[in-house]
């Protein structure tokens, strides 16, 4: 089992920045990739970005050039740096970890609201 705890959400004005953190615990040795998803009201959960153990990343077109995912393996923590935030980035952001054999684990989510 892997436990994930997100933090760092909040209210920010358009054009502002936030950094989300996702602290992993438990069977962290089994994690092969981590990512961030988001779900806006009335919409399906969507992949924002992910990063493998080898450092390979991918981003959705809507956040490319504005968001950056990173991992600090010593702290067992993944980060999502979000810059140039837009109102359409408003959503609950969920941390995800994929482990060997395809097991998937989720955090509880953190609200990000972009509004003036």
Protein backbone atom coordinates (compact mmCIF):
# COMPACT_ATOMS: atom_id res chain seq x y z
CA UNK A 1 0.00 0.00 0.00
CA UNK A 2 1.04 3.56 -0.73
CA UNK A 3 -0.36 6.55 1.10
CA UNK A 4 -0.36 9.97 -0.56
CA UNK A 5 -0.98 13.31 1.13
CA UNK A 6 -1.33 16.46 -0.94
CA UNK A 7 -0.86 20.01 0.25
CA UNK A 8 -0.42 23.48 -1.17
CA UNK A 9 -3.77 24.23 -2.73
CA UNK A 10 -5.62 27.48 -2.25
CA UNK A 11 -7.00 30.60 -3.85
CA UNK A 12 -4.83 32.53 -6.28
CA UNK A 13 -5.44 35.34 -8.75
CA UNK A 14 -5.14 34.75 -12.48
CA UNK A 15 -1.51 34.89 -13.52
CA UNK A 16 -0.37 33.76 -10.09
CA UNK A 17 1.53 30.68 -8.99
CA UNK A 18 1.06 27.79 -6.60
CA UNK A 19 3.13 24.76 -5.72
CA UNK A 20 1.46 21.52 -4.76
CA UNK A 21 3.23 18.82 -2.79
CA UNK A 22 2.48 15.11 -2.57
CA UNK A 23 4.16 13.17 0.21
CA UNK A 24 4.28 9.42 -0.26
CA UNK A 25 4.62 6.81 2.46
CA UNK A 26 4.21 3.08 2.82
CA UNK A 27 5.49 0.80 0.07
CA UNK A 28 7.23 3.59 -1.78
CA UNK A 29 9.81 1.18 -3.20
CA UNK A 30 7.05 -0.17 -5.45
CA UNK A 31 6.26 3.18 -7.10
CA UNK A 32 7.20 3.38 -10.79
CA UNK A 33 5.58 6.70 -11.65
CA UNK A 34 3.73 9.59 -10.05
CA UNK A 35 1.36 12.10 -11.50
CA UNK A 36 -1.17 14.80 -10.95
CA UNK A 37 -4.77 14.70 -12.09
CA UNK A 38 -7.48 17.29 -11.72
CA UNK A 39 -11.24 17.32 -11.71
CA UNK A 40 -13.29 20.44 -12.29
CA UNK A 41 -16.98 20.62 -11.31
CA UNK A 42 -19.10 18.68 -13.75
CA UNK A 43 -16.09 17.31 -15.62
CA UNK A 44 -14.21 14.05 -15.67
CA UNK A 45 -10.91 13.63 -13.90
CA UNK A 46 -8.06 14.32 -16.32
CA UNK A 47 -4.34 13.71 -16.33
CA UNK A 48 -2.33 16.89 -15.92
CA UNK A 49 1.21 15.56 -15.81
CA UNK A 50 3.27 12.54 -14.81
CA UNK A 51 6.86 11.60 -14.10
CA UNK A 52 8.52 8.20 -14.12
CA UNK A 53 11.25 6.94 -11.82
CA UNK A 54 13.64 7.65 -14.65
CA UNK A 55 12.56 11.26 -14.81
CA UNK A 56 10.55 11.13 -18.02
CA UNK A 57 7.67 13.57 -17.96
CA UNK A 58 4.57 14.30 -19.97
CA UNK A 59 2.09 17.13 -19.79
CA UNK A 60 -1.37 17.79 -21.07
CA UNK A 61 -1.47 20.38 -23.82
CA UNK A 62 -3.45 22.73 -21.59
CA UNK A 63 -0.61 23.09 -19.07
CA UNK A 64 2.52 22.73 -21.19
CA UNK A 65 4.92 25.57 -20.56
CA UNK A 66 3.11 26.64 -17.39
CA UNK A 67 3.25 23.62 -15.05
CA UNK A 68 6.29 21.61 -13.98
CA UNK A 69 6.33 18.28 -12.20
CA UNK A 70 9.30 17.18 -10.13
CA UNK A 71 10.24 14.59 -7.53
CA UNK A 72 12.51 14.65 -4.52
CA UNK A 73 13.25 10.99 -3.95
CA UNK A 74 15.07 11.69 -0.68
CA UNK A 75 11.86 13.19 0.70
CA UNK A 76 9.52 10.78 -1.12
CA UNK A 77 7.68 13.81 -2.38
CA UNK A 78 6.40 14.94 -5.75
CA UNK A 79 5.72 18.55 -6.60
CA UNK A 80 3.62 20.43 -9.10
CA UNK A 81 4.76 23.97 -9.77
CA UNK A 82 1.93 25.88 -11.41
CA UNK A 83 2.65 29.25 -13.01
CA UNK A 84 0.55 31.64 -15.07
CA UNK A 85 -2.59 30.16 -13.58
CA UNK A 86 -5.88 30.64 -15.39
CA UNK A 87 -9.47 30.43 -14.13
CA UNK A 88 -9.86 27.23 -16.15
CA UNK A 89 -7.19 25.62 -13.97
CA UNK A 90 -9.66 25.69 -11.09
CA UNK A 91 -10.20 22.12 -9.93
CA UNK A 92 -9.48 19.58 -7.24
CA UNK A 93 -5.97 18.30 -7.87
CA UNK A 94 -5.19 14.69 -7.03
CA UNK A 95 -1.82 13.05 -6.63
CA UNK A 96 -1.48 9.59 -8.13
CA UNK A 97 1.15 6.90 -7.75
CA UNK A 98 1.42 3.88 -9.99
CA UNK A 99 3.13 0.87 -8.50
CA UNK A 100 4.43 -2.36 -9.95
CA UNK A 101 1.78 -4.74 -11.28
CA UNK A 102 -0.34 -1.72 -12.16
CA UNK A 103 -1.64 -0.83 -8.73
CA UNK A 104 -2.77 2.78 -8.55
CA UNK A 105 -3.05 4.92 -5.43
CA UNK A 106 -4.67 8.31 -4.89
CA UNK A 107 -4.39 11.18 -2.49
CA UNK A 108 -7.38 12.90 -0.98
CA UNK A 109 -7.19 15.90 -3.31
CA UNK A 110 -6.49 19.57 -2.79
CA UNK A 111 -8.59 22.45 -4.08
CA UNK A 112 -7.05 25.01 -6.42
CA UNK A 113 -9.17 28.05 -7.19
CA UNK A 114 -8.03 30.68 -9.66
CA UNK A 115 -10.16 33.78 -9.37
CA UNK A 116 -9.91 37.52 -9.03
